[in-house]
Amino acid sequence: MSERDQRIAAMHRGDIRVAWAFVLGLWFAIIFVALATWDLAPAGTARLILLGAGAVILLFNTAAIMAMLRHYREDRDFIYGLDITFLDQARGARK
């Protein structure tokens, strides 16, 4: 594996970690808000609507991140190759 391929793989792994950290953070935030505001909802129906809306947010955001990661995996050489090219050019300009 070339140095460029290793750098691409490392950048891709880092992006995967950050993306899943955002997903976990979102899940924890939505669960925390649901628990913290549970008593503020006036009735059972309102609670069900709020829980449903929170579930939809979690579902769509998680699916969007998964689709983004799939796209990154499919086009990772192009996406990260551009990043590496520009990072190397910027590093060369500073010298």
N, C-alpha and C. Protein backbone atom coordinates (compact mmCIF):
# COMPACT_ATOMS: atom_id res chain seq x y z
N MET A 1 0.86 -1.18 0.00
CA MET A 1 0.00 0.00 0.00
C MET A 1 0.90 1.24 0.00
N SER A 2 0.60 2.15 -0.89
CA SER A 2 1.41 3.36 -1.01
C SER A 2 1.13 4.31 0.16
N GLU A 3 2.02 5.29 0.27
CA GLU A 3 1.84 6.29 1.33
C GLU A 3 0.53 7.05 1.15
N ARG A 4 0.21 7.37 -0.10
CA ARG A 4 -1.05 8.09 -0.39
C ARG A 4 -2.25 7.25 0.03
N ASP A 5 -2.23 5.95 -0.29
CA ASP A 5 -3.33 5.05 0.10
C ASP A 5 -3.45 4.95 1.62
N GLN A 6 -2.32 4.93 2.30
CA GLN A 6 -2.34 4.88 3.77
C GLN A 6 -2.94 6.16 4.34
N ARG A 7 -2.57 7.30 3.75
CA ARG A 7 -3.13 8.58 4.21
C ARG A 7 -4.63 8.64 3.95
N ILE A 8 -5.06 8.15 2.78
CA ILE A 8 -6.49 8.12 2.46
C ILE A 8 -7.23 7.23 3.46
N ALA A 9 -6.69 6.06 3.73
CA ALA A 9 -7.33 5.14 4.68
C ALA A 9 -7.41 5.76 6.07
N ALA A 10 -6.36 6.44 6.49
CA ALA A 10 -6.36 7.07 7.82
C ALA A 10 -7.39 8.20 7.89
N MET A 11 -7.47 9.02 6.85
CA MET A 11 -8.45 10.10 6.83
C MET A 11 -9.87 9.53 6.83
N HIS A 12 -10.09 8.48 6.07
CA HIS A 12 -11.41 7.85 6.01
C HIS A 12 -11.81 7.27 7.37
N ARG A 13 -10.89 6.58 8.02
CA ARG A 13 -11.17 6.04 9.36
C ARG A 13 -11.51 7.16 10.34
N GLY A 14 -10.77 8.25 10.27
CA GLY A 14 -11.05 9.38 11.15
C GLY A 14 -12.43 9.97 10.92
N ASP A 15 -12.81 10.11 9.64
CA ASP A 15 -14.14 10.64 9.33
C ASP A 15 -15.24 9.69 9.81
N ILE A 16 -15.00 8.38 9.69
CA ILE A 16 -15.99 7.42 10.18
C ILE A 16 -16.16 7.56 11.69
N ARG A 17 -15.06 7.68 12.41
CA ARG A 17 -15.14 7.84 13.87
C ARG A 17 -15.89 9.10 14.25
N VAL A 18 -15.59 10.20 13.59
CA VAL A 18 -16.25 11.48 13.91
C VAL A 18 -17.75 11.39 13.58
N ALA A 19 -18.08 10.80 12.45
CA ALA A 19 -19.50 10.70 12.06
C ALA A 19 -20.28 9.87 13.08
N TRP A 20 -19.74 8.74 13.50
CA TRP A 20 -20.46 7.92 14.49
C TRP A 20 -20.49 8.60 15.86
N ALA A 21 -19.48 9.39 16.18
CA ALA A 21 -19.51 10.16 17.43
C ALA A 21 -20.66 11.17 17.38
N PHE A 22 -20.86 11.82 16.22
CA PHE A 22 -21.98 12.74 16.08
C PHE A 22 -23.32 12.01 16.21
N VAL A 23 -23.42 10.82 15.63
CA VAL A 23 -24.67 10.05 15.75
C VAL A 23 -24.92 9.70 17.21
N LEU A 24 -23.91 9.21 17.89
CA LEU A 24 -24.08 8.88 19.32
C LEU A 24 -24.43 10.11 20.14
N GLY A 25 -23.77 11.22 19.84
CA GLY A 25 -24.07 12.47 20.54
C GLY A 25 -25.51 12.90 20.32
N LEU A 26 -25.99 12.77 19.10
CA LEU A 26 -27.38 13.12 18.80
C LEU A 26 -28.34 12.23 19.57
N TRP A 27 -28.07 10.92 19.57
CA TRP A 27 -28.94 9.99 20.31
C TRP A 27 -28.96 10.35 21.80
N PHE A 28 -27.79 10.59 22.37
CA PHE A 28 -27.75 10.95 23.79
C PHE A 28 -28.47 12.27 24.05
N ALA A 29 -28.30 13.23 23.16
CA ALA A 29 -28.95 14.54 23.34
C ALA A 29 -30.47 14.41 23.27
N ILE A 30 -30.97 13.68 22.29
CA ILE A 30 -32.43 13.52 22.15
C ILE A 30 -32.99 12.76 23.35
N ILE A 31 -32.31 11.72 23.78
CA ILE A 31 -32.78 10.97 24.95
C ILE A 31 -32.75 11.85 26.19
N PHE A 32 -31.69 12.63 26.36
CA PHE A 32 -31.61 13.53 27.52
C PHE A 32 -32.74 14.54 27.51
N VAL A 33 -32.98 15.15 26.36
CA VAL A 33 -34.04 16.16 26.26
C VAL A 33 -35.40 15.52 26.53
N ALA A 34 -35.61 14.33 26.01
CA ALA A 34 -36.89 13.63 26.26
C ALA A 34 -37.09 13.39 27.75
N LEU A 35 -36.06 12.92 28.42
CA LEU A 35 -36.17 12.65 29.86
C LEU A 35 -36.30 13.94 30.67
N ALA A 36 -35.56 14.95 30.29
CA ALA A 36 -35.56 16.20 31.05
C ALA A 36 -36.86 16.97 30.89
N THR A 37 -37.54 16.80 29.77
CA THR A 37 -38.77 17.57 29.53
C THR A 37 -40.03 16.72 29.62
N TRP A 38 -39.88 15.50 30.04
CA TRP A 38 -41.03 14.58 30.10
C TRP A 38 -42.20 15.15 30.91
N ASP A 39 -41.91 15.75 32.05
CA ASP A 39 -42.96 16.29 32.91
C ASP A 39 -43.57 17.58 32.37
N LEU A 40 -42.92 18.21 31.41
CA LEU A 40 -43.45 19.46 30.85
C LEU A 40 -44.55 19.21 29.83
N ALA A 41 -44.60 18.00 29.26
CA ALA A 41 -45.65 17.68 28.28
C ALA A 41 -46.99 17.59 29.02
N PRO A 42 -48.01 18.24 28.49
CA PRO A 42 -49.27 18.34 29.22
C PRO A 42 -50.08 17.05 29.32
N ALA A 43 -49.94 16.14 28.37
CA ALA A 43 -50.76 14.93 28.40
C ALA A 43 -50.05 13.80 27.68
N GLY A 44 -50.62 12.62 27.78
CA GLY A 44 -50.03 11.44 27.16
C GLY A 44 -49.94 11.56 25.65
N THR A 45 -50.93 12.19 25.04
CA THR A 45 -50.91 12.36 23.59
C THR A 45 -49.75 13.25 23.16
N ALA A 46 -49.55 14.34 23.88
CA ALA A 46 -48.43 15.24 23.56
C ALA A 46 -47.10 14.51 23.73
N ARG A 47 -47.00 13.70 24.74
CA ARG A 47 -45.76 12.93 24.96
C ARG A 47 -45.50 11.97 23.80
N LEU A 48 -46.56 11.31 23.35
CA LEU A 48 -46.39 10.38 22.23
C LEU A 48 -45.98 11.11 20.95
N ILE A 49 -46.56 12.26 20.72
CA ILE A 49 -46.19 13.05 19.54
C ILE A 49 -44.73 13.49 19.64
N LEU A 50 -44.31 13.95 20.81
CA LEU A 50 -42.92 14.38 20.99
C LEU A 50 -41.96 13.20 20.85
N LEU A 51 -42.32 12.05 21.40
CA LEU A 51 -41.47 10.86 21.25
C LEU A 51 -41.37 10.44 19.78
N GLY A 52 -42.51 10.49 19.09
CA GLY A 52 -42.50 10.15 17.66
C GLY A 52 -41.64 11.10 16.86
N ALA A 53 -41.76 12.40 17.14
CA ALA A 53 -40.94 13.38 16.42
C ALA A 53 -39.46 13.16 16.70
N GLY A 54 -39.12 12.88 17.96
CA GLY A 54 -37.72 12.60 18.29
C GLY A 54 -37.21 11.36 17.59
N ALA A 55 -38.05 10.34 17.51
CA ALA A 55 -37.66 9.11 16.82
C ALA A 55 -37.44 9.36 15.33
N VAL A 56 -38.28 10.19 14.72
CA VAL A 56 -38.12 10.52 13.29
C VAL A 56 -36.81 11.27 13.07
N ILE A 57 -36.51 12.21 13.96
CA ILE A 57 -35.24 12.95 13.86
C ILE A 57 -34.06 11.99 13.95
N LEU A 58 -34.11 11.09 14.92
CA LEU A 58 -33.02 10.12 15.07
C LEU A 58 -32.90 9.22 13.85
N LEU A 59 -34.02 8.75 13.35
CA LEU A 59 -34.02 7.85 12.20
C LEU A 59 -33.45 8.53 10.96
N PHE A 60 -33.96 9.72 10.64
CA PHE A 60 -33.50 10.39 9.43
C PHE A 60 -32.05 10.86 9.53
N ASN A 61 -31.64 11.36 10.67
CA ASN A 61 -30.26 11.81 10.81
C ASN A 61 -29.28 10.64 10.79
N THR A 62 -29.65 9.54 11.43
CA THR A 62 -28.79 8.36 11.40
C THR A 62 -28.69 7.82 9.98
N ALA A 63 -29.81 7.76 9.27
CA ALA A 63 -29.79 7.29 7.88
C ALA A 63 -28.97 8.22 6.99
N ALA A 64 -29.06 9.51 7.22
CA ALA A 64 -28.29 10.47 6.42
C ALA A 64 -26.79 10.30 6.64
N ILE A 65 -26.39 10.08 7.88
CA ILE A 65 -24.96 9.88 8.17
C ILE A 65 -24.49 8.57 7.55
N MET A 66 -25.31 7.54 7.63
CA MET A 66 -24.93 6.26 7.02
C MET A 66 -24.79 6.40 5.50
N ALA A 67 -25.69 7.15 4.86
CA ALA A 67 -25.59 7.39 3.42
C ALA A 67 -24.33 8.18 3.09
N MET A 68 -24.02 9.17 3.93
CA MET A 68 -22.81 9.96 3.71
C MET A 68 -21.57 9.06 3.79
N LEU A 69 -21.54 8.18 4.79
CA LEU A 69 -20.39 7.29 4.94
C LEU A 69 -20.29 6.31 3.77
N ARG A 70 -21.43 5.85 3.26
CA ARG A 70 -21.42 4.97 2.10
C ARG A 70 -20.84 5.70 0.89
N HIS A 71 -21.25 6.95 0.72
CA HIS A 71 -20.73 7.76 -0.39
C HIS A 71 -19.23 7.97 -0.23
N TYR A 72 -18.80 8.27 0.97
CA TYR A 72 -17.37 8.47 1.22
C TYR A 72 -16.60 7.19 0.89
N ARG A 73 -17.16 6.03 1.25
CA ARG A 73 -16.47 4.77 0.98
C ARG A 73 -16.38 4.52 -0.53
N GLU A 74 -17.47 4.84 -1.26
CA GLU A 74 -17.48 4.60 -2.70
C GLU A 74 -16.51 5.52 -3.44
N ASP A 75 -16.41 6.76 -3.02
CA ASP A 75 -15.59 7.75 -3.72
C ASP A 75 -14.40 8.22 -2.89
N ARG A 76 -13.95 7.38 -1.98
CA ARG A 76 -12.93 7.85 -1.03
C ARG A 76 -11.62 8.24 -1.70
N ASP A 77 -11.22 7.52 -2.74
CA ASP A 77 -9.96 7.88 -3.41
C ASP A 77 -10.06 9.28 -4.01
N PHE A 78 -11.19 9.60 -4.63
CA PHE A 78 -11.36 10.93 -5.23
C PHE A 78 -11.46 12.00 -4.15
N ILE A 79 -12.34 11.77 -3.16
CA ILE A 79 -12.60 12.78 -2.12
C ILE A 79 -11.32 13.07 -1.33
N TYR A 80 -10.73 12.03 -0.78
CA TYR A 80 -9.56 12.23 0.07
C TYR A 80 -8.32 12.53 -0.75
N GLY A 81 -8.28 12.05 -2.01
CA GLY A 81 -7.16 12.37 -2.88
C GLY A 81 -7.07 13.88 -3.12
N LEU A 82 -8.23 14.51 -3.33
CA LEU A 82 -8.24 15.98 -3.46
C LEU A 82 -7.75 16.65 -2.18
N ASP A 83 -8.25 16.17 -1.04
CA ASP A 83 -7.82 16.75 0.23
C ASP A 83 -6.31 16.65 0.40
N ILE A 84 -5.77 15.50 0.10
CA ILE A 84 -4.33 15.29 0.27
C ILE A 84 -3.54 16.19 -0.70
N THR A 85 -4.03 16.30 -1.92
CA THR A 85 -3.36 17.17 -2.90
C THR A 85 -3.30 18.60 -2.39
N PHE A 86 -4.45 19.12 -1.92
CA PHE A 86 -4.48 20.50 -1.44
C PHE A 86 -3.71 20.68 -0.14
N LEU A 87 -3.75 19.68 0.75
CA LEU A 87 -2.96 19.77 1.98
C LEU A 87 -1.47 19.80 1.66
N ASP A 88 -1.04 18.97 0.71
CA ASP A 88 0.38 18.96 0.33
C ASP A 88 0.78 20.27 -0.33
N GLN A 89 -0.11 20.83 -1.16
CA GLN A 89 0.19 22.12 -1.79
C GLN A 89 0.29 23.22 -0.74
N ALA A 90 -0.61 23.22 0.24
CA ALA A 90 -0.58 24.24 1.30
C ALA A 90 0.70 24.08 2.13
N ARG A 91 1.07 22.84 2.41
CA ARG A 91 2.29 22.60 3.20
C ARG A 91 3.52 23.07 2.42
N GLY A 92 3.51 22.85 1.09
CA GLY A 92 4.63 23.28 0.25
C GLY A 92 4.69 24.81 0.16
N ALA A 93 3.56 25.47 0.17
CA ALA A 93 3.53 26.94 0.07
C ALA A 93 4.07 27.58 1.34
N ARG A 94 3.92 26.92 2.48
CA ARG A 94 4.39 27.49 3.76
C ARG A 94 5.89 27.38 3.90
N LYS A 95 6.51 26.49 3.18
CA LYS A 95 7.96 26.27 3.34
C LYS A 95 8.76 27.33 2.66
